[in-house]
């Protein structure tokens, strides 16, 4: 069997419908083929919503949900990036608290204060 025929058979079996791409080039062409796969995700909806969705059969629900999921992921990633801890600000706040505590003239013990208030509630 000729090398070309072997390649064509393998290509056709692996990538049905894409063999026409190979036909555009000669044997010496270098191919870089990137195949994307899509993960399958299932979700549940109540019967009423399912019936309403079926009435809108002109919509590609997979595409609608794929776009919505992408938008939500982007928003969440932006929010998470926004919420990153500012360690410099935290260190500054801790230093301010320590400075205020050192200026206090009252000797104070948090554990003792809690015990005092618990005794007073009884």
Protein backbone atom coordinates (compact mmCIF):
# COMPACT_ATOMS: atom_id res chain seq x y z
CA UNK A 1 0.00 0.00 0.00
CA UNK A 2 1.32 3.45 -0.92
CA UNK A 3 2.18 5.75 2.02
CA UNK A 4 -0.33 8.33 0.77
CA UNK A 5 -3.17 5.79 0.78
CA UNK A 6 -2.27 4.64 4.28
CA UNK A 7 -2.25 8.23 5.54
CA UNK A 8 -5.57 9.00 3.88
CA UNK A 9 -7.22 5.96 5.44
CA UNK A 10 -5.89 6.80 8.89
CA UNK A 11 -6.82 10.46 8.52
CA UNK A 12 -10.32 9.63 7.32
CA UNK A 13 -10.88 7.20 10.16
CA UNK A 14 -9.64 9.63 12.81
CA UNK A 15 -10.97 12.91 11.46
CA UNK A 16 -14.03 12.21 9.36
CA UNK A 17 -14.96 15.10 7.13
CA UNK A 18 -11.59 16.81 7.44
CA UNK A 19 -9.76 14.78 4.79
CA UNK A 20 -10.55 17.45 2.20
CA UNK A 21 -8.05 19.66 4.00
CA UNK A 22 -5.29 17.20 3.20
CA UNK A 23 -6.28 17.08 -0.47
CA UNK A 24 -5.41 20.77 -0.79
CA UNK A 25 -1.72 20.03 -0.21
CA UNK A 26 0.85 17.67 -1.70
CA UNK A 27 2.74 14.89 0.10
CA UNK A 28 5.50 17.20 1.29
CA UNK A 29 3.22 19.58 3.17
CA UNK A 30 3.60 19.79 6.94
CA UNK A 31 0.36 19.60 8.86
CA UNK A 32 -0.45 20.90 12.26
CA UNK A 33 -3.93 19.79 13.18
CA UNK A 34 -5.47 20.95 16.43
CA UNK A 35 -8.56 19.05 17.45
CA UNK A 36 -10.80 20.58 20.09
CA UNK A 37 -13.09 18.42 22.13
CA UNK A 38 -16.04 19.62 24.14
CA UNK A 39 -16.83 18.30 27.59
CA UNK A 40 -20.35 17.09 28.18
CA UNK A 41 -22.20 18.63 31.11
CA UNK A 42 -25.73 17.70 32.13
CA UNK A 43 -28.08 19.77 34.21
CA UNK A 44 -31.64 19.43 35.39
CA UNK A 45 -34.59 21.76 34.96
CA UNK A 46 -38.12 21.38 36.22
CA UNK A 47 -40.81 20.07 33.87
CA UNK A 48 -42.41 23.48 33.37
CA UNK A 49 -39.17 25.07 32.24
CA UNK A 50 -38.42 22.11 29.96
CA UNK A 51 -41.81 22.56 28.22
CA UNK A 52 -41.16 26.28 27.80
CA UNK A 53 -37.72 25.55 26.35
CA UNK A 54 -39.22 23.06 23.91
CA UNK A 55 -41.54 25.77 22.60
CA UNK A 56 -38.44 27.76 21.71
CA UNK A 57 -36.98 24.98 19.58
CA UNK A 58 -35.38 27.46 17.19
CA UNK A 59 -32.81 28.19 19.91
CA UNK A 60 -29.65 26.13 20.19
CA UNK A 61 -29.83 25.54 23.93
CA UNK A 62 -26.32 24.10 24.06
CA UNK A 63 -24.93 27.30 22.59
CA UNK A 64 -27.12 29.52 24.81
CA UNK A 65 -25.93 27.72 27.93
CA UNK A 66 -22.31 27.57 26.74
CA UNK A 67 -22.27 31.36 26.25
CA UNK A 68 -23.98 31.97 29.58
CA UNK A 69 -21.52 29.67 31.39
CA UNK A 70 -18.57 31.46 29.77
CA UNK A 71 -19.97 34.84 30.85
CA UNK A 72 -20.50 33.69 34.44
CA UNK A 73 -17.00 32.19 34.61
CA UNK A 74 -15.48 35.45 33.35
CA UNK A 75 -17.45 37.49 35.90
CA UNK A 76 -16.45 35.18 38.74
CA UNK A 77 -12.80 35.26 37.70
CA UNK A 78 -12.87 39.06 37.61
CA UNK A 79 -14.56 39.17 41.02
CA UNK A 80 -12.03 36.74 42.46
CA UNK A 81 -9.15 38.80 41.04
CA UNK A 82 -10.72 41.91 42.56
CA UNK A 83 -11.07 40.19 45.93
CA UNK A 84 -7.41 39.21 46.18
CA UNK A 85 -6.01 40.02 49.59
CA UNK A 86 -3.97 43.19 49.81
CA UNK A 87 -1.30 41.99 52.18
CA UNK A 88 0.33 45.42 52.38
CA UNK A 89 -2.98 46.94 53.54
CA UNK A 90 -3.46 44.10 56.05
CA UNK A 91 0.05 44.65 57.47
CA UNK A 92 -0.63 48.39 57.72
CA UNK A 93 -3.90 47.79 59.57
CA UNK A 94 -2.19 45.38 61.98
CA UNK A 95 0.51 47.95 62.67
CA UNK A 96 -2.13 50.61 63.37
CA UNK A 97 -3.95 48.29 65.79
CA UNK A 98 -0.70 47.49 67.60
CA UNK A 99 0.11 51.23 67.82
CA UNK A 100 -3.32 52.01 69.27
CA UNK A 101 -3.05 49.13 71.73
CA UNK A 102 0.36 50.31 72.93
CA UNK A 103 -1.06 53.80 73.65
CA UNK A 104 -3.78 52.37 75.84
CA UNK A 105 -3.23 52.95 79.56
CA UNK A 106 -5.56 50.18 80.59
CA UNK A 107 -4.29 46.66 81.12
CA UNK A 108 -6.76 44.51 79.23
CA UNK A 109 -7.11 40.77 78.72
CA UNK A 110 -9.62 39.64 76.13
CA UNK A 111 -10.17 36.19 77.65
CA UNK A 112 -10.84 37.69 81.08
CA UNK A 113 -13.25 40.22 79.57
CA UNK A 114 -15.27 37.42 77.95
CA UNK A 115 -15.40 35.48 81.23
CA UNK A 116 -16.59 38.65 83.04
CA UNK A 117 -19.48 39.19 80.63
CA UNK A 118 -20.48 35.54 80.75
CA UNK A 119 -20.66 35.72 84.56
CA UNK A 120 -22.78 38.89 84.36
CA UNK A 121 -25.31 37.21 82.02
CA UNK A 122 -26.08 34.44 84.51
